[in-house]
C-alpha atoms as a PDB file:
ATOM      1  CA  MET A   1     100.138  21.370  78.080  1.00  0.00           C
ATOM      2  CA  SER A   2     100.776  24.583  79.787  1.00  0.00           C
ATOM      3  CA  ARG A   3     103.692  26.230  80.276  1.00  0.00           C
ATOM      4  CA  PHE A   4     104.733  27.990  83.534  1.00  0.00           C
ATOM      5  CA  VAL A   5     106.615  31.053  83.011  1.00  0.00           C
ATOM      6  CA  PHE A   6     108.338  32.181  86.097  1.00  0.00           C
ATOM      7  CA  VAL A   7     108.601  36.046  86.347  1.00  0.00           C
ATOM      8  CA  PRO A   8     110.842  37.205  89.045  1.00  0.00           C
ATOM      9  CA  LYS A   9     109.631  39.598  91.535  1.00  0.00           C
ATOM     10  CA  TYR A  10     111.373  42.496  93.402  1.00  0.00           C
ATOM     11  CA  ARG A  11     110.865  44.213  96.604  1.00  0.00           C
ATOM     12  CA  ALA A  12     110.095  47.813  96.133  1.00  0.00           C
ATOM     13  CA  SER A  13     109.657  50.523  98.588  1.00  0.00           C
ATOM     14  CA  ILE A  14     107.629  53.612  97.670  1.00  0.00           C
ATOM     15  CA  THR A  15     106.168  56.568  99.603  1.00  0.00           C
ATOM     16  CA  ILE A  16     102.426  57.853  98.646  1.00  0.00           C
ATOM     17  CA  ASP A  17     100.568  60.614 100.033  1.00  0.00           C
ATOM     18  CA  SER A  18      97.583  59.797 102.534  1.00  0.00           C
ATOM     19  CA  ARG A  19      95.110  60.799  99.735  1.00  0.00           C
ATOM     20  CA  ILE A  20      96.360  57.973  97.464  1.00  0.00           C
ATOM     21  CA  ALA A  21      96.493  55.740 100.395  1.00  0.00           C
ATOM     22  CA  ARG A  22      93.142  56.018 101.472  1.00  0.00           C
ATOM     23  CA  GLU A  23      91.971  55.773  97.842  1.00  0.00           C
ATOM     24  CA  ILE A  24      93.770  52.472  97.682  1.00  0.00           C
ATOM     25  CA  ASP A  25      92.452  51.476 100.540  1.00  0.00           C
ATOM     26  CA  ASP A  26      88.893  52.200  99.829  1.00  0.00           C
ATOM     27  CA  TYR A  27      89.622  50.209  96.397  1.00  0.00           C
ATOM     28  CA  TYR A  28      91.227  46.972  98.607  1.00  0.00           C
ATOM     29  CA  ARG A  29      88.159  47.467 100.827  1.00  0.00           C
ATOM     30  CA  GLU A  30      85.877  47.101  97.828  1.00  0.00           C
ATOM     31  CA  LYS A  31      87.673  44.154  96.299  1.00  0.00           C
ATOM     32  CA  VAL A  32      87.407  42.357  99.684  1.00  0.00           C
ATOM     33  CA  LYS A  33      83.648  42.960  99.756  1.00  0.00           C
ATOM     34  CA  GLU A  34      83.127  41.668  96.167  1.00  0.00           C
ATOM     35  CA  ALA A  35      84.837  38.725  97.068  1.00  0.00           C
ATOM     36  CA  ALA A  36      83.230  37.857 100.156  1.00  0.00           C
ATOM     37  CA  THR A  37      79.792  38.408  98.751  1.00  0.00           C
ATOM     38  CA  GLN A  38      80.611  36.301  95.718  1.00  0.00           C
ATOM     39  CA  GLY A  39      82.217  33.368  98.290  1.00  0.00           C
ATOM     40  CA  GLU A  40      85.959  34.169  96.580  1.00  0.00           C
ATOM     41  CA  SER A  41      89.245  34.200  98.519  1.00  0.00           C
ATOM     42  CA  ILE A  42      90.059  37.627  99.796  1.00  0.00           C
ATOM     43  CA  PRO A  43      92.947  39.161  97.608  1.00  0.00           C
ATOM     44  CA  LYS A  44      96.149  40.160  99.515  1.00  0.00           C
ATOM     45  CA  LEU A  45      97.019  43.664  99.701  1.00  0.00           C
ATOM     46  CA  SER A  46     100.037  43.149  98.248  1.00  0.00           C
ATOM     47  CA  ASN A  47      98.516  41.681  95.063  1.00  0.00           C
ATOM     48  CA  VAL A  48      96.325  44.779  94.870  1.00  0.00           C
ATOM     49  CA  TYR A  49      99.529  47.085  94.840  1.00  0.00           C
ATOM     50  CA  GLU A  50     100.863  44.921  92.304  1.00  0.00           C
ATOM     51  CA  GLU A  51      97.662  45.275  90.303  1.00  0.00           C
ATOM     52  CA  ILE A  52      97.664  49.288  90.616  1.00  0.00           C
ATOM     53  CA  ILE A  53     101.454  49.463  89.630  1.00  0.00           C
ATOM     54  CA  ALA A  54     100.911  47.219  86.546  1.00  0.00           C
ATOM     55  CA  LYS A  55      98.112  48.763  85.098  1.00  0.00           C
ATOM     56  CA  GLY A  56      99.642  52.286  85.781  1.00  0.00           C
ATOM     57  CA  TRP A  57     103.025  51.248  84.162  1.00  0.00           C
ATOM     58  CA  GLU A  58     101.269  50.010  81.224  1.00  0.00           C
ATOM     59  CA  ILE A  59      99.761  53.502  80.996  1.00  0.00           C
ATOM     60  CA  ILE A  60     103.256  55.213  81.201  1.00  0.00           C
ATOM     61  CA  ARG A  61     104.745  52.967  78.849  1.00  0.00           C
ATOM     62  CA  ARG A  62     102.077  53.547  76.102  1.00  0.00           C
ATOM     63  CA  GLU A  63     102.669  57.382  76.687  1.00  0.00           C
ATOM     64  CA  PHE A  64     106.365  57.031  76.612  1.00  0.00           C
ATOM     65  CA  LYS A  65     106.361  54.874  73.026  1.00  0.00           C
ATOM     66  CA  ARG A  66     104.475  57.796  71.266  1.00  0.00           C
ATOM     67  CA  ARG A  67     106.955  60.103  71.861  1.00  0.00           C
END
């Protein structure tokens, strides 16, 4: 029996510089290309941003705990 854990989501608005925006756009395009060639569903851009934020937060949290 699998348990479904509901994690609430929150809306956030951020401003990023154009260099980072282009890099994220390139990363997203690469993920779309990979999904298309493998016959998988195309990822939503919001999910890609969520992935990037989650990975970045893990790095920050580890550094914060070291203090």
